[in-house]
Structures are given as C-alpha cells and as structure tokens.
C-alpha atoms as a PDB file:
ATOM      1  CA  MET A   1     -33.662 -60.049  46.278  1.00  0.00           C
ATOM      2  CA  LEU A   2     -35.790 -62.528  48.176  1.00  0.00           C
ATOM      3  CA  ILE A   3     -34.691 -60.973  51.471  1.00  0.00           C
ATOM      4  CA  ALA A   4     -35.632 -57.490  50.257  1.00  0.00           C
ATOM      5  CA  TYR A   5     -39.074 -58.805  49.208  1.00  0.00           C
ATOM      6  CA  TRP A   6     -39.790 -60.303  52.655  1.00  0.00           C
ATOM      7  CA  LYS A   7     -38.504 -57.195  54.438  1.00  0.00           C
ATOM      8  CA  SER A   8     -40.950 -55.028  52.490  1.00  0.00           C
ATOM      9  CA  LYS A   9     -43.838 -57.443  53.237  1.00  0.00           C
ATOM     10  CA  PHE A  10     -43.025 -57.531  56.962  1.00  0.00           C
ATOM     11  CA  SER A  11     -42.600 -53.749  57.019  1.00  0.00           C
ATOM     12  CA  LEU A  12     -46.056 -53.296  55.475  1.00  0.00           C
ATOM     13  CA  PHE A  13     -47.541 -55.882  57.867  1.00  0.00           C
ATOM     14  CA  GLY A  14     -45.877 -54.205  60.881  1.00  0.00           C
ATOM     15  CA  SER A  15     -47.205 -50.801  59.837  1.00  0.00           C
ATOM     16  CA  LYS A  16     -50.762 -52.121  59.513  1.00  0.00           C
ATOM     17  CA  LEU A  17     -50.471 -53.976  62.824  1.00  0.00           C
ATOM     18  CA  ARG A  18     -49.345 -50.781  64.604  1.00  0.00           C
ATOM     19  CA  GLN A  19     -52.260 -48.885  63.090  1.00  0.00           C
ATOM     20  CA  ILE A  20     -54.789 -51.530  64.146  1.00  0.00           C
ATOM     21  CA  SER A  21     -53.251 -51.695  67.625  1.00  0.00           C
ATOM     22  CA  PHE A  22     -53.492 -47.920  67.993  1.00  0.00           C
ATOM     23  CA  TRP A  23     -57.208 -47.880  67.149  1.00  0.00           C
ATOM     24  CA  ALA A  24     -57.928 -50.915  69.328  1.00  0.00           C
ATOM     25  CA  ILE A  25     -56.203 -49.336  72.324  1.00  0.00           C
ATOM     26  CA  LEU A  26     -58.011 -46.046  71.747  1.00  0.00           C
ATOM     27  CA  LEU A  27     -61.393 -47.750  71.478  1.00  0.00           C
ATOM     28  CA  LEU A  28     -60.835 -49.919  74.554  1.00  0.00           C
ATOM     29  CA  GLY A  29     -59.667 -46.875  76.483  1.00  0.00           C
ATOM     30  CA  LEU A  30     -62.828 -44.983  75.647  1.00  0.00           C
ATOM     31  CA  VAL A  31     -65.041 -47.926  76.555  1.00  0.00           C
ATOM     32  CA  GLY A  32     -63.126 -48.447  79.802  1.00  0.00           C
ATOM     33  CA  CYS A  33     -63.605 -44.791  80.811  1.00  0.00           C
ATOM     34  CA  ARG A  34     -67.352 -45.192  81.089  1.00  0.00           C
ATOM     35  CA  SER A  35     -68.203 -45.066  84.765  1.00  0.00           C
ATOM     36  CA  PRO A  36     -70.898 -47.472  85.969  1.00  0.00           C
ATOM     37  CA  LEU A  37     -73.233 -44.689  87.163  1.00  0.00           C
ATOM     38  CA  ILE A  38     -76.366 -46.359  88.441  1.00  0.00           C
ATOM     39  CA  MET A  39     -79.604 -45.378  90.111  1.00  0.00           C
ATOM     40  CA  ILE A  40     -80.254 -46.604  93.653  1.00  0.00           C
ATOM     41  CA  GLU A  41     -83.046 -48.913  92.466  1.00  0.00           C
ATOM     42  CA  GLU A  42     -80.409 -50.762  90.399  1.00  0.00           C
ATOM     43  CA  VAL A  43     -78.602 -51.961  93.539  1.00  0.00           C
ATOM     44  CA  THR A  44     -79.329 -55.699  93.459  1.00  0.00           C
ATOM     45  CA  PRO A  45     -77.847 -58.889  94.907  1.00  0.00           C
ATOM     46  CA  GLN A  46     -75.965 -59.404  91.620  1.00  0.00           C
ATOM     47  CA  LYS A  47     -74.059 -56.154  92.219  1.00  0.00           C
ATOM     48  CA  VAL A  48     -72.855 -56.977  95.753  1.00  0.00           C
ATOM     49  CA  GLY A  49     -69.072 -56.588  95.829  1.00  0.00           C
ATOM     50  CA  LYS A  50     -69.033 -54.374  92.718  1.00  0.00           C
ATOM     51  CA  THR A  51     -67.791 -50.796  92.662  1.00  0.00           C
ATOM     52  CA  VAL A  52     -70.332 -48.322  91.297  1.00  0.00           C
ATOM     53  CA  TYR A  53     -70.966 -44.610  91.056  1.00  0.00           C
ATOM     54  CA  LEU A  54     -74.084 -42.987  92.510  1.00  0.00           C
ATOM     55  CA  THR A  55     -75.361 -39.452  92.633  1.00  0.00           C
ATOM     56  CA  GLY A  56     -77.886 -38.202  95.103  1.00  0.00           C
ATOM     57  CA  LYS A  57     -78.910 -35.799  97.809  1.00  0.00           C
ATOM     58  CA  VAL A  58     -77.680 -36.352 101.374  1.00  0.00           C
ATOM     59  CA  VAL A  59     -80.828 -36.781 103.502  1.00  0.00           C
ATOM     60  CA  HIS A  60     -79.526 -38.200 106.818  1.00  0.00           C
ATOM     61  CA  LEU A  61     -76.203 -38.102 108.703  1.00  0.00           C
ATOM     62  CA  ALA A  62     -74.965 -40.578 111.334  1.00  0.00           C
ATOM     63  CA  PRO A  63     -71.587 -39.573 112.811  1.00  0.00           C
ATOM     64  CA  PHE A  64     -69.623 -42.225 114.711  1.00  0.00           C
ATOM     65  CA  ILE A  65     -66.241 -42.196 116.419  1.00  0.00           C
ATOM     66  CA  GLY A  66     -63.643 -42.844 113.707  1.00  0.00           C
ATOM     67  CA  ASN A  67     -66.163 -43.077 110.884  1.00  0.00           C
ATOM     68  CA  GLY A  68     -69.729 -42.278 109.982  1.00  0.00           C
ATOM     69  CA  ALA A  69     -72.590 -42.909 107.627  1.00  0.00           C
ATOM     70  CA  TYR A  70     -74.952 -40.866 105.557  1.00  0.00           C
ATOM     71  CA  GLN A  71     -78.008 -41.682 103.526  1.00  0.00           C
ATOM     72  CA  ILE A  72     -78.447 -40.442  99.995  1.00  0.00           C
ATOM     73  CA  GLU A  73     -81.515 -40.492  97.822  1.00  0.00           C
ATOM     74  CA  ASP A  74     -82.224 -40.136  94.166  1.00  0.00           C
ATOM     75  CA  ARG A  75     -85.574 -40.275  92.419  1.00  0.00           C
ATOM     76  CA  THR A  76     -85.571 -44.085  92.686  1.00  0.00           C
ATOM     77  CA  GLY A  77     -84.771 -44.706  96.350  1.00  0.00           C
ATOM     78  CA  LYS A  78     -82.427 -44.290  99.317  1.00  0.00           C
ATOM     79  CA  ILE A  79     -79.232 -46.034 100.422  1.00  0.00           C
ATOM     80  CA  TRP A  80     -76.852 -45.699 103.367  1.00  0.00           C
ATOM     81  CA  VAL A  81     -73.193 -44.965 102.709  1.00  0.00           C
ATOM     82  CA  VAL A  82     -70.498 -45.882 105.270  1.00  0.00           C
ATOM     83  CA  THR A  83     -67.372 -43.711 105.240  1.00  0.00           C
ATOM     84  CA  THR A  84     -64.151 -43.041 107.117  1.00  0.00           C
ATOM     85  CA  GLN A  85     -63.935 -39.591 105.495  1.00  0.00           C
ATOM     86  CA  THR A  86     -65.541 -36.346 106.588  1.00  0.00           C
ATOM     87  CA  LEU A  87     -69.313 -36.535 106.332  1.00  0.00           C
ATOM     88  CA  PRO A  88     -70.906 -34.410 103.616  1.00  0.00           C
ATOM     89  CA  GLN A  89     -73.397 -31.688 104.497  1.00  0.00           C
ATOM     90  CA  ALA A  90     -77.117 -32.420 104.782  1.00  0.00           C
ATOM     91  CA  ASN A  91     -79.044 -31.599 101.590  1.00  0.00           C
ATOM     92  CA  GLN A  92     -75.788 -31.642  99.580  1.00  0.00           C
ATOM     93  CA  GLN A  93     -75.919 -33.177  96.101  1.00  0.00           C
ATOM     94  CA  ILE A  94     -72.943 -35.502  95.674  1.00  0.00           C
ATOM     95  CA  LYS A  95     -71.465 -38.101  93.365  1.00  0.00           C
ATOM     96  CA  ILE A  96     -69.680 -40.983  95.064  1.00  0.00           C
ATOM     97  CA  LYS A  97     -67.746 -44.083  94.157  1.00  0.00           C
ATOM     98  CA  GLY A  98     -68.429 -47.024  96.436  1.00  0.00           C
ATOM     99  CA  LYS A  99     -68.617 -50.765  96.840  1.00  0.00           C
ATOM    100  CA  ILE A 100     -72.037 -52.354  97.246  1.00  0.00           C
ATOM    101  CA  GLU A 101     -72.450 -54.547 100.331  1.00  0.00           C
ATOM    102  CA  TYR A 102     -75.362 -56.351 101.967  1.00  0.00           C
ATOM    103  CA  GLN A 103     -75.997 -56.802 105.681  1.00  0.00           C
ATOM    104  CA  SER A 104     -78.192 -59.776 106.463  1.00  0.00           C
ATOM    105  CA  LEU A 105     -80.600 -59.388 109.375  1.00  0.00           C
ATOM    106  CA  PRO A 106     -82.769 -62.495 109.785  1.00  0.00           C
ATOM    107  CA  PHE A 107     -85.635 -61.885 112.201  1.00  0.00           C
ATOM    108  CA  ALA A 108     -88.673 -64.070 112.937  1.00  0.00           C
ATOM    109  CA  GLN A 109     -88.091 -66.175 109.821  1.00  0.00           C
ATOM    110  CA  GLN A 110     -87.866 -63.057 107.640  1.00  0.00           C
ATOM    111  CA  GLU A 111     -84.911 -61.372 105.998  1.00  0.00           C
ATOM    112  CA  LEU A 112     -84.833 -57.733 107.055  1.00  0.00           C
ATOM    113  CA  GLY A 113     -81.329 -57.027 105.733  1.00  0.00           C
ATOM    114  CA  ASP A 114     -80.468 -54.204 103.389  1.00  0.00           C
ATOM    115  CA  PHE A 115     -77.893 -52.973 100.903  1.00  0.00           C
ATOM    116  CA  TYR A 116     -75.402 -50.235 101.710  1.00  0.00           C
ATOM    117  CA  LEU A 117     -72.377 -48.649 100.097  1.00  0.00           C
ATOM    118  CA  VAL A 118     -68.823 -48.534 101.436  1.00  0.00           C
ATOM    119  CA  GLU A 119     -67.528 -45.186 100.214  1.00  0.00           C
ATOM    120  CA  ARG A 120     -64.318 -45.318  98.198  1.00  0.00           C
ATOM    121  CA  GLU A 121     -64.293 -41.685  97.149  1.00  0.00           C
ATOM    122  CA  GLN A 122     -66.474 -38.579  97.174  1.00  0.00           C
ATOM    123  CA  LEU A 123     -66.055 -37.424  93.599  1.00  0.00           C
ATOM    124  CA  SER A 124     -67.839 -34.117  93.587  1.00  0.00           C
ATOM    125  CA  SER A 125     -70.397 -31.856  95.120  1.00  0.00           C
ATOM    126  CA  LEU A 126     -73.082 -31.041  92.647  1.00  0.00           C
ATOM    127  CA  PRO A 127     -74.902 -27.673  92.610  1.00  0.00           C
END
C-alpha cells in the first residue's frame, strides 16, 4: 500500500514536471528565435565580435579577386560588408547576417579606424 501511494505521488510529480518542461522549452525556443536585427548606428565597440542582422540598401560595390565588399546604408548610417560570396546588386535592399569587426587605423595621434561587417549569410533581397 505504501508503495502504491509513492508511485501515484511520483507519477503526478512526473506529469507536472513534463508539463512545466514543455512550456519552458517552448518559451525559450520562442525567445531564442528573435534575431538581433539592429540599425547601423547601433554598431558599437561593445558589439565587436557579435553576430547581428542588418537590413539596408547597397550603395557601393568593391569587387576584389577572391572576395569583395559592399557598403549598405539604412536611415541611421552606412557600413562596409566584406564577403566571399557573390556581390549583391547596387541599389538592392538586402538583409544580412554578419559579424561586427573593427579595423584600427591610428594616424597622427588620432584613431581613424572604423567598424565593418564580415558577411555570414545574405538572408534575403527585399523589394
């Protein structure tokens, strides 16, 4: 009788635990799906090394042998994107996933460096 009592208690506990686990996993999954879409003005030293998503219009192209770069702009600024993939078209609206980097360029006791993005993936062309 005592064994039957504990089995029913553990069964009830296990059922509740499964239910709580299900909702926790679902909630964490939804929170984790949020992409860190940022505006170009939000690219700061604290974000160097982080992967982010940006959308913008391609305003300049710089093809190189084996890779290339393009500059995108949104309403808050411009940033260069380095890629090993095919360059997008000029004036194309795109969404990209990339890693923020910073290139230091000290000159005459001033820092003239700038941020850029290393493209991980071109996610879409926007109309």
